[in-house]
Amino acid sequence: MKGKIMECPEGLRYTKEHEWTREEENIVTIGITDYAQGELGDVVYVELPDEGMAVNAGEPFGVVESVKSVSDLYSPISGTVVEANARLNDEPEVVNGSPYNDGWLMKVECADKSELDKLMTADEYMEFVKSLG
């Protein structure tokens, strides 16, 4: 992300695997951070779980493929997938242009909200990214 200010919205929670979460009642929207999309480069394919699938905190739920690499996506929380972002099937590049809005990956009905408390705040995530060099 050389020369670009990294976007890191307040009010979201972040993981060391560079996913973010936005809690809305019992539904948690999950995506990859601005830092992650910048490191990946142009996203060309996203594989997401089907609606109704169970996901577990810390375990892979999908894959993001860019012109540079293929990376696993890790669920920040446990729960049941209520929606995957179907738009990304035809327009995976939306992840690059709008990682926190149109480029979200999935929505999960949270099994244990206390898992969200273990994630980093925006300030903590910014410090973590700075520590990566």
N, C-alpha and C. Protein backbone atom coordinates (compact mmCIF):
# COMPACT_ATOMS: atom_id res chain seq x y z
N MET A 1 0.84 -1.18 0.00
CA MET A 1 0.00 0.00 0.00
C MET A 1 0.89 1.25 0.00
N LYS A 2 1.98 1.17 -0.67
CA LYS A 2 2.94 2.28 -0.69
C LYS A 2 2.29 3.51 -1.30
N GLY A 3 2.41 4.64 -0.60
CA GLY A 3 1.91 5.89 -1.13
C GLY A 3 0.42 6.09 -0.97
N LYS A 4 -0.30 5.11 -0.43
CA LYS A 4 -1.75 5.23 -0.27
C LYS A 4 -2.07 5.12 1.21
N ILE A 5 -2.94 5.97 1.68
CA ILE A 5 -3.39 5.89 3.06
C ILE A 5 -4.35 4.71 3.18
N MET A 6 -4.09 3.83 4.12
CA MET A 6 -4.95 2.66 4.31
C MET A 6 -6.24 3.06 5.01
N GLU A 7 -7.35 2.62 4.46
CA GLU A 7 -8.66 2.86 5.06
C GLU A 7 -8.89 1.80 6.15
N CYS A 8 -9.34 2.24 7.31
CA CYS A 8 -9.58 1.33 8.43
C CYS A 8 -10.72 1.92 9.28
N PRO A 9 -11.97 1.69 8.86
CA PRO A 9 -13.10 2.32 9.54
C PRO A 9 -13.22 1.95 11.02
N GLU A 10 -13.58 2.96 11.83
CA GLU A 10 -13.89 2.74 13.24
C GLU A 10 -15.19 1.95 13.32
N GLY A 11 -15.38 1.27 14.44
CA GLY A 11 -16.64 0.57 14.66
C GLY A 11 -16.65 -0.85 14.11
N LEU A 12 -15.65 -1.20 13.32
CA LEU A 12 -15.52 -2.57 12.84
C LEU A 12 -14.52 -3.28 13.74
N ARG A 13 -14.48 -4.61 13.66
CA ARG A 13 -13.48 -5.41 14.37
C ARG A 13 -12.64 -6.12 13.32
N TYR A 14 -11.37 -6.37 13.64
CA TYR A 14 -10.40 -6.87 12.67
C TYR A 14 -9.64 -8.09 13.18
N THR A 15 -9.14 -8.90 12.24
CA THR A 15 -8.35 -10.08 12.59
C THR A 15 -6.92 -9.94 12.07
N LYS A 16 -6.03 -10.76 12.59
CA LYS A 16 -4.64 -10.79 12.12
C LYS A 16 -4.55 -11.38 10.71
N GLU A 17 -5.62 -12.02 10.25
CA GLU A 17 -5.66 -12.55 8.87
C GLU A 17 -6.23 -11.51 7.91
N HIS A 18 -6.49 -10.30 8.42
CA HIS A 18 -6.93 -9.14 7.62
C HIS A 18 -8.37 -9.26 7.14
N GLU A 19 -9.23 -9.84 7.99
CA GLU A 19 -10.67 -9.77 7.75
C GLU A 19 -11.26 -8.75 8.71
N TRP A 20 -12.40 -8.19 8.31
CA TRP A 20 -13.13 -7.26 9.17
C TRP A 20 -14.52 -7.80 9.43
N THR A 21 -15.13 -7.34 10.52
CA THR A 21 -16.51 -7.71 10.85
C THR A 21 -17.31 -6.45 11.18
N ARG A 22 -18.56 -6.46 10.77
CA ARG A 22 -19.51 -5.39 11.12
C ARG A 22 -20.73 -6.07 11.71
N GLU A 23 -21.01 -5.78 12.98
CA GLU A 23 -22.11 -6.41 13.69
C GLU A 23 -23.38 -5.59 13.52
N GLU A 24 -24.46 -6.26 13.11
CA GLU A 24 -25.78 -5.64 13.02
C GLU A 24 -26.76 -6.61 13.66
N GLU A 25 -27.08 -6.38 14.93
CA GLU A 25 -27.88 -7.28 15.74
C GLU A 25 -27.18 -8.63 15.81
N ASN A 26 -27.79 -9.72 15.34
CA ASN A 26 -27.14 -11.03 15.44
C ASN A 26 -26.45 -11.43 14.13
N ILE A 27 -26.49 -10.55 13.13
CA ILE A 27 -25.86 -10.84 11.84
C ILE A 27 -24.54 -10.08 11.75
N VAL A 28 -23.49 -10.78 11.35
CA VAL A 28 -22.17 -10.17 11.23
C VAL A 28 -21.73 -10.24 9.77
N THR A 29 -21.48 -9.07 9.19
CA THR A 29 -20.96 -8.99 7.82
C THR A 29 -19.45 -9.08 7.90
N ILE A 30 -18.86 -9.85 6.97
CA ILE A 30 -17.43 -10.12 6.98
C ILE A 30 -16.84 -9.79 5.61
N GLY A 31 -15.65 -9.20 5.61
CA GLY A 31 -14.95 -8.92 4.37
C GLY A 31 -13.45 -8.90 4.62
N ILE A 32 -12.68 -8.55 3.59
CA ILE A 32 -11.24 -8.38 3.78
C ILE A 32 -10.92 -6.90 3.86
N THR A 33 -9.86 -6.58 4.55
CA THR A 33 -9.51 -5.18 4.79
C THR A 33 -8.90 -4.52 3.55
N ASP A 34 -8.86 -3.21 3.62
CA ASP A 34 -8.22 -2.41 2.58
C ASP A 34 -6.75 -2.83 2.44
N TYR A 35 -6.09 -3.07 3.57
CA TYR A 35 -4.70 -3.53 3.54
C TYR A 35 -4.59 -4.84 2.76
N ALA A 36 -5.48 -5.79 3.06
CA ALA A 36 -5.43 -7.11 2.40
C ALA A 36 -5.64 -6.99 0.89
N GLN A 37 -6.64 -6.22 0.48
CA GLN A 37 -6.89 -6.11 -0.97
C GLN A 37 -5.71 -5.43 -1.66
N GLY A 38 -5.06 -4.49 -0.96
CA GLY A 38 -3.91 -3.81 -1.54
C GLY A 38 -2.72 -4.75 -1.70
N GLU A 39 -2.52 -5.61 -0.71
CA GLU A 39 -1.43 -6.58 -0.77
C GLU A 39 -1.69 -7.64 -1.84
N LEU A 40 -2.94 -8.03 -1.99
CA LEU A 40 -3.29 -9.05 -2.98
C LEU A 40 -3.11 -8.56 -4.41
N GLY A 41 -3.42 -7.29 -4.64
CA GLY A 41 -3.46 -6.79 -6.01
C GLY A 41 -4.84 -7.06 -6.60
N ASP A 42 -4.93 -7.06 -7.91
CA ASP A 42 -6.22 -7.19 -8.58
C ASP A 42 -6.87 -8.54 -8.30
N VAL A 43 -8.03 -8.52 -7.63
CA VAL A 43 -8.76 -9.75 -7.32
C VAL A 43 -9.48 -10.22 -8.59
N VAL A 44 -9.27 -11.50 -8.93
CA VAL A 44 -9.86 -12.05 -10.16
C VAL A 44 -10.89 -13.15 -9.88
N TYR A 45 -10.92 -13.67 -8.65
CA TYR A 45 -11.86 -14.75 -8.32
C TYR A 45 -12.04 -14.82 -6.82
N VAL A 46 -13.29 -15.05 -6.38
CA VAL A 46 -13.58 -15.23 -4.97
C VAL A 46 -14.48 -16.45 -4.83
N GLU A 47 -14.07 -17.38 -3.97
CA GLU A 47 -14.88 -18.57 -3.68
C GLU A 47 -15.44 -18.41 -2.28
N LEU A 48 -16.78 -18.44 -2.18
CA LEU A 48 -17.45 -18.22 -0.90
C LEU A 48 -18.31 -19.42 -0.53
N PRO A 49 -18.63 -19.57 0.75
CA PRO A 49 -19.47 -20.69 1.18
C PRO A 49 -20.92 -20.49 0.76
N ASP A 50 -21.66 -21.59 0.76
CA ASP A 50 -23.08 -21.55 0.44
C ASP A 50 -23.89 -21.12 1.66
N GLU A 51 -25.04 -20.53 1.39
CA GLU A 51 -25.97 -20.18 2.45
C GLU A 51 -26.31 -21.44 3.23
N GLY A 52 -26.36 -21.32 4.55
CA GLY A 52 -26.69 -22.45 5.41
C GLY A 52 -25.49 -23.22 5.92
N MET A 53 -24.31 -22.96 5.35
CA MET A 53 -23.10 -23.65 5.81
C MET A 53 -22.65 -23.10 7.16
N ALA A 54 -22.09 -23.99 7.97
CA ALA A 54 -21.51 -23.57 9.25
C ALA A 54 -20.08 -23.12 9.01
N VAL A 55 -19.68 -22.05 9.70
CA VAL A 55 -18.29 -21.60 9.68
C VAL A 55 -17.80 -21.55 11.13
N ASN A 56 -16.50 -21.75 11.30
CA ASN A 56 -15.91 -21.76 12.63
C ASN A 56 -14.81 -20.72 12.71
N ALA A 57 -14.77 -20.02 13.84
CA ALA A 57 -13.75 -18.99 14.06
C ALA A 57 -12.36 -19.56 13.85
N GLY A 58 -11.56 -18.84 13.05
CA GLY A 58 -10.18 -19.24 12.81
C GLY A 58 -9.98 -20.26 11.72
N GLU A 59 -11.08 -20.76 11.14
CA GLU A 59 -10.98 -21.78 10.10
C GLU A 59 -11.31 -21.19 8.73
N PRO A 60 -10.71 -21.75 7.66
CA PRO A 60 -10.97 -21.25 6.31
C PRO A 60 -12.44 -21.41 5.91
N PHE A 61 -12.98 -20.40 5.20
CA PHE A 61 -14.34 -20.49 4.67
C PHE A 61 -14.38 -20.28 3.17
N GLY A 62 -13.28 -19.86 2.58
CA GLY A 62 -13.27 -19.59 1.15
C GLY A 62 -11.88 -19.23 0.69
N VAL A 63 -11.83 -18.75 -0.56
CA VAL A 63 -10.55 -18.42 -1.19
C VAL A 63 -10.70 -17.13 -1.96
N VAL A 64 -9.65 -16.32 -1.95
CA VAL A 64 -9.59 -15.14 -2.82
C VAL A 64 -8.35 -15.30 -3.69
N GLU A 65 -8.55 -15.12 -4.99
CA GLU A 65 -7.46 -15.28 -5.95
C GLU A 65 -7.22 -13.94 -6.63
N SER A 66 -5.94 -13.57 -6.69
CA SER A 66 -5.58 -12.33 -7.36
C SER A 66 -4.57 -12.65 -8.46
N VAL A 67 -4.15 -11.62 -9.17
CA VAL A 67 -3.16 -11.82 -10.21
C VAL A 67 -1.83 -12.26 -9.60
N LYS A 68 -1.63 -12.00 -8.29
CA LYS A 68 -0.38 -12.34 -7.61
C LYS A 68 -0.40 -13.66 -6.86
N SER A 69 -1.56 -14.02 -6.26
CA SER A 69 -1.57 -15.18 -5.38
C SER A 69 -2.99 -15.69 -5.12
N VAL A 70 -3.04 -16.84 -4.44
CA VAL A 70 -4.29 -17.41 -3.96
C VAL A 70 -4.19 -17.46 -2.44
N SER A 71 -5.20 -16.94 -1.75
CA SER A 71 -5.16 -16.90 -0.29
C SER A 71 -6.45 -17.46 0.30
N ASP A 72 -6.31 -18.22 1.38
CA ASP A 72 -7.48 -18.67 2.12
C ASP A 72 -8.10 -17.49 2.86
N LEU A 73 -9.40 -17.55 3.03
CA LEU A 73 -10.15 -16.59 3.84
C LEU A 73 -10.52 -17.30 5.14
N TYR A 74 -10.30 -16.64 6.28
CA TYR A 74 -10.55 -17.25 7.58
C TYR A 74 -11.71 -16.55 8.27
N SER A 75 -12.63 -17.35 8.80
CA SER A 75 -13.78 -16.76 9.48
C SER A 75 -13.37 -16.19 10.83
N PRO A 76 -13.73 -14.94 11.10
CA PRO A 76 -13.41 -14.34 12.40
C PRO A 76 -14.31 -14.88 13.52
N ILE A 77 -15.45 -15.45 13.14
CA ILE A 77 -16.44 -15.90 14.13
C ILE A 77 -17.03 -17.24 13.70
N SER A 78 -17.74 -17.88 14.63
CA SER A 78 -18.47 -19.11 14.34
C SER A 78 -19.94 -18.77 14.14
N GLY A 79 -20.58 -19.54 13.26
CA GLY A 79 -21.99 -19.33 13.03
C GLY A 79 -22.44 -19.97 11.73
N THR A 80 -23.58 -19.51 11.23
CA THR A 80 -24.18 -20.04 10.01
C THR A 80 -24.25 -18.95 8.95
N VAL A 81 -23.81 -19.28 7.75
CA VAL A 81 -23.84 -18.32 6.64
C VAL A 81 -25.29 -18.07 6.25
N VAL A 82 -25.70 -16.80 6.30
CA VAL A 82 -27.06 -16.45 5.89
C VAL A 82 -27.06 -15.83 4.49
N GLU A 83 -25.90 -15.34 4.04
CA GLU A 83 -25.81 -14.77 2.69
C GLU A 83 -24.34 -14.68 2.28
N ALA A 84 -24.07 -15.02 1.02
CA ALA A 84 -22.76 -14.77 0.42
C ALA A 84 -22.97 -13.71 -0.65
N ASN A 85 -21.97 -12.88 -0.87
CA ASN A 85 -22.09 -11.78 -1.82
C ASN A 85 -22.02 -12.31 -3.26
N ALA A 86 -23.20 -12.61 -3.83
CA ALA A 86 -23.28 -13.18 -5.18
C ALA A 86 -22.69 -12.27 -6.24
N ARG A 87 -22.67 -10.98 -6.00
CA ARG A 87 -22.11 -10.03 -6.98
C ARG A 87 -20.65 -10.37 -7.30
N LEU A 88 -19.93 -10.93 -6.32
CA LEU A 88 -18.51 -11.21 -6.51
C LEU A 88 -18.26 -12.36 -7.49
N ASN A 89 -19.29 -13.16 -7.79
CA ASN A 89 -19.15 -14.22 -8.80
C ASN A 89 -18.80 -13.62 -10.15
N ASP A 90 -19.45 -12.52 -10.50
CA ASP A 90 -19.25 -11.87 -11.80
C ASP A 90 -18.31 -10.67 -11.72
N GLU A 91 -18.20 -10.08 -10.54
CA GLU A 91 -17.40 -8.86 -10.38
C GLU A 91 -16.48 -8.96 -9.16
N PRO A 92 -15.51 -9.90 -9.16
CA PRO A 92 -14.64 -10.04 -7.99
C PRO A 92 -13.82 -8.80 -7.70
N GLU A 93 -13.60 -7.96 -8.72
CA GLU A 93 -12.79 -6.75 -8.55
C GLU A 93 -13.44 -5.73 -7.62
N VAL A 94 -14.73 -5.91 -7.30
CA VAL A 94 -15.42 -5.01 -6.37
C VAL A 94 -14.72 -5.04 -5.00
N VAL A 95 -14.11 -6.19 -4.66
CA VAL A 95 -13.36 -6.30 -3.41
C VAL A 95 -12.24 -5.25 -3.36
N ASN A 96 -11.59 -4.99 -4.49
CA ASN A 96 -10.52 -3.98 -4.53
C ASN A 96 -11.08 -2.57 -4.40
N GLY A 97 -12.15 -2.27 -5.09
CA GLY A 97 -12.67 -0.92 -5.13
C GLY A 97 -13.48 -0.52 -3.91
N SER A 98 -14.07 -1.49 -3.22
CA SER A 98 -14.97 -1.17 -2.11
C SER A 98 -14.93 -2.28 -1.05
N PRO A 99 -13.76 -2.50 -0.41
CA PRO A 99 -13.65 -3.64 0.51
C PRO A 99 -14.59 -3.59 1.70
N TYR A 100 -15.00 -2.39 2.14
CA TYR A 100 -15.85 -2.27 3.33
C TYR A 100 -17.32 -2.09 3.01
N ASN A 101 -17.66 -1.93 1.75
CA ASN A 101 -19.06 -1.71 1.41
C ASN A 101 -19.54 -2.76 0.40
N ASP A 102 -19.47 -2.46 -0.90
CA ASP A 102 -19.99 -3.39 -1.91
C ASP A 102 -19.18 -4.69 -1.99
N GLY A 103 -17.93 -4.68 -1.53
CA GLY A 103 -17.06 -5.85 -1.65
C GLY A 103 -17.07 -6.80 -0.46
N TRP A 104 -18.10 -6.70 0.41
CA TRP A 104 -18.21 -7.64 1.53
C TRP A 104 -18.27 -9.06 1.01
N LEU A 105 -17.92 -10.04 1.84
CA LEU A 105 -17.86 -11.43 1.41
C LEU A 105 -19.07 -12.25 1.82
N MET A 106 -19.40 -12.24 3.11
CA MET A 106 -20.53 -13.04 3.58
C MET A 106 -21.13 -12.43 4.83
N LYS A 107 -22.37 -12.87 5.12
CA LYS A 107 -23.06 -12.48 6.35
C LYS A 107 -23.33 -13.76 7.13
N VAL A 108 -23.02 -13.70 8.42
CA VAL A 108 -23.10 -14.88 9.27
C VAL A 108 -23.98 -14.59 10.48
N GLU A 109 -24.87 -15.54 10.79
CA GLU A 109 -25.62 -15.46 12.04
C GLU A 109 -24.66 -15.96 13.12
N CYS A 110 -24.32 -15.07 14.01
CA CYS A 110 -23.28 -15.31 15.01
C CYS A 110 -23.75 -16.32 16.06
N ALA A 111 -22.92 -17.33 16.32
CA ALA A 111 -23.25 -18.34 17.33
C ALA A 111 -22.87 -17.87 18.73
N ASP A 112 -21.81 -17.05 18.83
CA ASP A 112 -21.32 -16.61 20.13
C ASP A 112 -20.74 -15.20 19.99
N LYS A 113 -21.53 -14.20 20.38
CA LYS A 113 -21.10 -12.81 20.20
C LYS A 113 -19.82 -12.47 20.96
N SER A 114 -19.48 -13.23 21.99
CA SER A 114 -18.26 -12.93 22.75
C SER A 114 -17.01 -13.11 21.87
N GLU A 115 -17.12 -13.88 20.78
CA GLU A 115 -15.98 -14.03 19.86
C GLU A 115 -15.58 -12.68 19.25
N LEU A 116 -16.55 -11.80 19.07
CA LEU A 116 -16.26 -10.48 18.50
C LEU A 116 -15.36 -9.65 19.42
N ASP A 117 -15.48 -9.87 20.73
CA ASP A 117 -14.68 -9.13 21.70
C ASP A 117 -13.20 -9.48 21.60
N LYS A 118 -12.88 -10.63 21.02
CA LYS A 118 -11.49 -11.07 20.89
C LYS A 118 -10.80 -10.44 19.68
N LEU A 119 -11.56 -9.77 18.83
CA LEU A 119 -11.00 -9.16 17.62
C LEU A 119 -10.46 -7.77 17.92
N MET A 120 -9.61 -7.28 17.02
CA MET A 120 -8.97 -5.98 17.21
C MET A 120 -9.90 -4.82 16.84
N THR A 121 -9.73 -3.70 17.55
CA THR A 121 -10.39 -2.46 17.17
C THR A 121 -9.64 -1.88 15.97
N ALA A 122 -10.15 -0.81 15.39
CA ALA A 122 -9.48 -0.15 14.26
C ALA A 122 -8.08 0.31 14.65
N ASP A 123 -7.94 0.93 15.83
CA ASP A 123 -6.63 1.40 16.28
C ASP A 123 -5.65 0.25 16.48
N GLU A 124 -6.14 -0.82 17.10
CA GLU A 124 -5.28 -1.99 17.32
C GLU A 124 -4.85 -2.61 15.99
N TYR A 125 -5.78 -2.66 15.03
CA TYR A 125 -5.45 -3.23 13.72
C TYR A 125 -4.41 -2.36 13.00
N MET A 126 -4.56 -1.04 13.07
CA MET A 126 -3.59 -0.14 12.44
C MET A 126 -2.20 -0.36 13.04
N GLU A 127 -2.11 -0.52 14.35
CA GLU A 127 -0.83 -0.80 15.00
C GLU A 127 -0.27 -2.13 14.54
N PHE A 128 -1.14 -3.14 14.44
CA PHE A 128 -0.73 -4.46 13.96
C PHE A 128 -0.14 -4.37 12.55
N VAL A 129 -0.83 -3.66 11.65
CA VAL A 129 -0.35 -3.53 10.27
C VAL A 129 0.99 -2.79 10.25
N LYS A 130 1.12 -1.75 11.05
CA LYS A 130 2.40 -1.02 11.12
C LYS A 130 3.54 -1.93 11.57
N SER A 131 3.23 -2.87 12.47
CA SER A 131 4.25 -3.79 12.99
C SER A 131 4.72 -4.79 11.93
N LEU A 132 3.95 -4.92 10.86
CA LEU A 132 4.32 -5.85 9.78
C LEU A 132 5.41 -5.26 8.89
N GLY A 133 5.60 -3.93 9.02
CA GLY A 133 6.65 -3.29 8.23
C GLY A 133 6.09 -2.77 7.00
